């Protein structure tokens, strides 16, 4: 029988690792997960922000950012983002 893992446990195991965060809007973030709370608000460091625009994808480098968990659509642990 396979062992079960809860979603917050999986995110907790990703602390210190790269994670790709896809937002509900036209933005995506890839960075190292520093921490999160019960609302899945996340702090990332060494971040690359990808914003889809009508003219293409705009990329922005950020040292650190705080993401609101209410706006997160999907998490991809171990990924470096859409360029991978």
N, C-alpha and C. Protein backbone atom coordinates (compact mmCIF):
# COMPACT_ATOMS: atom_id res chain seq x y z
N UNK A 1 0.84 -1.19 0.00
CA UNK A 1 0.00 0.00 0.00
C UNK A 1 0.88 1.25 0.00
N UNK A 2 0.57 2.20 -0.84
CA UNK A 2 1.36 3.43 -0.95
C UNK A 2 1.11 4.32 0.27
N UNK A 3 2.16 4.98 0.71
CA UNK A 3 2.01 5.90 1.83
C UNK A 3 1.37 7.20 1.34
N UNK A 4 0.60 7.82 2.20
CA UNK A 4 -0.08 9.06 1.84
C UNK A 4 0.70 10.24 2.40
N UNK A 5 0.69 11.32 1.65
CA UNK A 5 1.33 12.56 2.09
C UNK A 5 0.34 13.70 1.86
N UNK A 6 0.21 14.55 2.84
CA UNK A 6 -0.69 15.69 2.75
C UNK A 6 -0.03 16.81 1.94
N UNK A 7 -0.85 17.65 1.29
CA UNK A 7 -0.28 18.72 0.45
C UNK A 7 0.71 19.63 1.19
N UNK A 8 0.38 20.06 2.40
CA UNK A 8 1.30 20.94 3.13
C UNK A 8 2.59 20.23 3.51
N UNK A 9 2.53 18.90 3.71
CA UNK A 9 3.75 18.14 3.98
C UNK A 9 4.65 18.12 2.76
N UNK A 10 4.06 17.98 1.59
CA UNK A 10 4.84 17.98 0.35
C UNK A 10 5.52 19.33 0.15
N UNK A 11 4.79 20.43 0.39
CA UNK A 11 5.38 21.76 0.26
C UNK A 11 6.50 21.94 1.28
N UNK A 12 6.29 21.43 2.50
CA UNK A 12 7.30 21.54 3.55
C UNK A 12 8.59 20.82 3.14
N UNK A 13 8.47 19.71 2.45
CA UNK A 13 9.65 18.97 1.97
C UNK A 13 10.41 19.73 0.89
N UNK A 14 9.75 20.71 0.27
CA UNK A 14 10.36 21.50 -0.81
C UNK A 14 11.13 22.71 -0.31
N UNK A 15 11.08 23.00 0.98
CA UNK A 15 11.81 24.16 1.51
C UNK A 15 13.29 23.97 1.23
N UNK A 16 13.90 25.00 0.67
CA UNK A 16 15.31 24.95 0.31
C UNK A 16 15.55 24.45 -1.11
N UNK A 17 14.49 24.04 -1.79
CA UNK A 17 14.59 23.52 -3.16
C UNK A 17 13.97 24.49 -4.15
N UNK A 18 14.26 24.27 -5.43
CA UNK A 18 13.66 25.08 -6.49
C UNK A 18 12.20 24.67 -6.66
N UNK A 19 11.36 25.67 -6.95
CA UNK A 19 9.94 25.42 -7.17
C UNK A 19 9.43 26.40 -8.22
N UNK A 20 8.52 25.93 -9.03
CA UNK A 20 7.88 26.74 -10.07
C UNK A 20 6.46 26.99 -9.61
N UNK A 21 6.07 28.25 -9.50
CA UNK A 21 4.74 28.63 -9.00
C UNK A 21 3.98 29.29 -10.15
N UNK A 22 2.86 28.69 -10.52
CA UNK A 22 2.01 29.23 -11.58
C UNK A 22 0.83 29.93 -10.91
N UNK A 23 0.67 31.20 -11.22
CA UNK A 23 -0.36 32.01 -10.59
C UNK A 23 -1.66 31.96 -11.40
N UNK A 24 -2.74 32.44 -10.81
CA UNK A 24 -4.03 32.52 -11.51
C UNK A 24 -3.99 33.56 -12.63
N UNK A 25 -3.10 34.53 -12.50
CA UNK A 25 -2.97 35.58 -13.52
C UNK A 25 -1.99 35.11 -14.59
N UNK A 26 -1.47 36.03 -15.36
CA UNK A 26 -0.54 35.72 -16.45
C UNK A 26 0.90 35.67 -15.97
N UNK A 27 1.11 35.41 -14.69
CA UNK A 27 2.46 35.41 -14.12
C UNK A 27 2.85 34.03 -13.60
N UNK A 28 4.14 33.76 -13.67
CA UNK A 28 4.71 32.55 -13.11
C UNK A 28 6.02 32.93 -12.43
N UNK A 29 6.37 32.21 -11.38
CA UNK A 29 7.58 32.50 -10.63
C UNK A 29 8.37 31.21 -10.45
N UNK A 30 9.68 31.31 -10.55
CA UNK A 30 10.55 30.18 -10.28
C UNK A 30 11.63 30.66 -9.32
N UNK A 31 11.82 29.92 -8.23
CA UNK A 31 12.82 30.33 -7.24
C UNK A 31 13.01 29.27 -6.19
N UNK A 32 13.82 29.60 -5.20
CA UNK A 32 14.08 28.70 -4.08
C UNK A 32 13.09 29.01 -2.97
N UNK A 33 12.36 28.00 -2.52
CA UNK A 33 11.35 28.18 -1.48
C UNK A 33 12.02 28.35 -0.12
N UNK A 34 11.78 29.51 0.51
CA UNK A 34 12.32 29.78 1.85
C UNK A 34 11.34 29.38 2.94
N UNK A 35 10.04 29.54 2.68
CA UNK A 35 9.05 29.21 3.68
C UNK A 35 7.64 29.49 3.18
N UNK A 36 6.67 29.03 3.96
CA UNK A 36 5.25 29.24 3.64
C UNK A 36 4.46 29.14 4.93
N UNK A 37 3.19 29.54 4.86
CA UNK A 37 2.32 29.43 6.03
C UNK A 37 1.10 28.58 5.71
N UNK A 38 0.15 28.51 6.63
CA UNK A 38 -1.04 27.67 6.46
C UNK A 38 -1.92 28.13 5.29
N UNK A 39 -1.76 29.37 4.86
CA UNK A 39 -2.53 29.89 3.73
C UNK A 39 -1.77 29.72 2.41
N UNK A 40 -0.63 29.07 2.46
CA UNK A 40 0.28 28.83 1.33
C UNK A 40 0.81 30.15 0.75
N UNK A 41 0.86 31.21 1.58
CA UNK A 41 1.65 32.38 1.21
C UNK A 41 3.09 31.90 1.20
N UNK A 42 3.86 32.26 0.18
CA UNK A 42 5.21 31.72 0.02
C UNK A 42 6.25 32.82 -0.10
N UNK A 43 7.42 32.56 0.47
CA UNK A 43 8.58 33.43 0.30
C UNK A 43 9.58 32.66 -0.56
N UNK A 44 9.98 33.29 -1.68
CA UNK A 44 10.96 32.71 -2.59
C UNK A 44 12.17 33.62 -2.68
N UNK A 45 13.35 33.03 -2.89
CA UNK A 45 14.55 33.83 -3.16
C UNK A 45 15.16 33.39 -4.47
N UNK A 46 16.05 34.22 -5.01
CA UNK A 46 16.69 33.96 -6.31
C UNK A 46 15.60 33.66 -7.34
N UNK A 47 14.70 34.63 -7.51
CA UNK A 47 13.45 34.44 -8.24
C UNK A 47 13.54 34.97 -9.68
N UNK A 48 12.92 34.23 -10.58
CA UNK A 48 12.69 34.70 -11.94
C UNK A 48 11.18 34.79 -12.13
N UNK A 49 10.70 35.97 -12.51
CA UNK A 49 9.27 36.18 -12.77
C UNK A 49 9.05 36.15 -14.28
N UNK A 50 8.06 35.39 -14.70
CA UNK A 50 7.68 35.31 -16.11
C UNK A 50 6.28 35.89 -16.25
N UNK A 51 6.14 36.90 -17.09
CA UNK A 51 4.84 37.52 -17.31
C UNK A 51 4.50 37.41 -18.80
N UNK A 52 3.39 36.73 -19.09
CA UNK A 52 2.95 36.60 -20.48
C UNK A 52 2.24 37.88 -20.91
N UNK A 53 2.71 38.44 -22.03
CA UNK A 53 2.11 39.65 -22.59
C UNK A 53 1.76 39.37 -24.05
N UNK A 54 0.97 40.23 -24.67
CA UNK A 54 0.65 40.03 -26.09
C UNK A 54 1.88 40.01 -27.00
N UNK A 55 2.97 40.63 -26.55
CA UNK A 55 4.18 40.68 -27.37
C UNK A 55 5.18 39.58 -27.04
N UNK A 56 4.85 38.73 -26.06
CA UNK A 56 5.76 37.65 -25.67
C UNK A 56 5.86 37.54 -24.17
N UNK A 57 6.91 36.88 -23.72
CA UNK A 57 7.10 36.67 -22.28
C UNK A 57 8.15 37.64 -21.77
N UNK A 58 7.79 38.40 -20.72
CA UNK A 58 8.71 39.33 -20.08
C UNK A 58 9.31 38.62 -18.87
N UNK A 59 10.64 38.65 -18.75
CA UNK A 59 11.34 37.98 -17.65
C UNK A 59 11.98 39.03 -16.75
N UNK A 60 11.78 38.88 -15.44
CA UNK A 60 12.34 39.80 -14.45
C UNK A 60 13.02 39.00 -13.36
N UNK A 61 14.24 39.39 -13.00
CA UNK A 61 14.98 38.74 -11.90
C UNK A 61 14.71 39.51 -10.61
N UNK A 62 14.43 38.77 -9.54
CA UNK A 62 14.17 39.37 -8.23
C UNK A 62 15.00 38.64 -7.18
N UNK A 63 15.49 39.38 -6.18
CA UNK A 63 16.27 38.75 -5.11
C UNK A 63 15.35 37.92 -4.21
N UNK A 64 14.19 38.48 -3.88
CA UNK A 64 13.26 37.80 -2.97
C UNK A 64 11.85 38.32 -3.23
N UNK A 65 10.85 37.47 -3.03
CA UNK A 65 9.47 37.91 -3.21
C UNK A 65 8.54 37.13 -2.29
N UNK A 66 7.40 37.73 -1.99
CA UNK A 66 6.34 37.11 -1.20
C UNK A 66 5.14 36.92 -2.11
N UNK A 67 4.65 35.69 -2.22
CA UNK A 67 3.50 35.39 -3.07
C UNK A 67 2.28 35.13 -2.19
N UNK A 68 1.15 35.71 -2.56
CA UNK A 68 -0.11 35.50 -1.84
C UNK A 68 -0.69 34.14 -2.24
N UNK A 69 -0.88 33.27 -1.27
CA UNK A 69 -1.37 31.93 -1.54
C UNK A 69 -2.73 31.90 -2.21
N UNK A 70 -3.53 32.93 -2.02
CA UNK A 70 -4.86 32.98 -2.63
C UNK A 70 -4.79 33.09 -4.15
N UNK A 71 -3.64 33.55 -4.67
CA UNK A 71 -3.49 33.75 -6.11
C UNK A 71 -2.69 32.64 -6.79
N UNK A 72 -2.29 31.62 -6.02
CA UNK A 72 -1.51 30.52 -6.58
C UNK A 72 -2.44 29.49 -7.19
N UNK A 73 -2.13 29.08 -8.42
CA UNK A 73 -2.93 28.08 -9.13
C UNK A 73 -2.29 26.70 -9.02
N UNK A 74 -0.96 26.61 -9.24
CA UNK A 74 -0.30 25.31 -9.25
C UNK A 74 1.16 25.45 -8.82
N UNK A 75 1.69 24.42 -8.16
CA UNK A 75 3.08 24.36 -7.75
C UNK A 75 3.76 23.18 -8.44
N UNK A 76 4.98 23.40 -8.92
CA UNK A 76 5.74 22.33 -9.56
C UNK A 76 7.08 22.21 -8.84
N UNK A 77 7.18 21.31 -7.86
CA UNK A 77 8.44 21.15 -7.12
C UNK A 77 9.56 20.66 -8.02
N UNK A 78 10.78 21.18 -7.76
CA UNK A 78 11.96 20.72 -8.48
C UNK A 78 12.10 21.27 -9.88
N UNK A 79 11.27 22.22 -10.27
CA UNK A 79 11.31 22.76 -11.63
C UNK A 79 11.93 24.15 -11.64
N UNK A 80 12.55 24.51 -12.75
CA UNK A 80 13.13 25.84 -12.93
C UNK A 80 12.24 26.74 -13.76
N UNK A 81 11.01 26.36 -13.96
CA UNK A 81 10.08 27.23 -14.67
C UNK A 81 9.80 26.81 -16.09
N UNK A 82 9.14 27.70 -16.83
CA UNK A 82 8.68 27.36 -18.18
C UNK A 82 9.82 27.16 -19.19
N UNK A 83 11.02 27.65 -18.87
CA UNK A 83 12.14 27.50 -19.81
C UNK A 83 12.74 26.10 -19.78
N UNK A 84 12.42 25.34 -18.75
CA UNK A 84 13.02 24.01 -18.57
C UNK A 84 12.55 23.03 -19.62
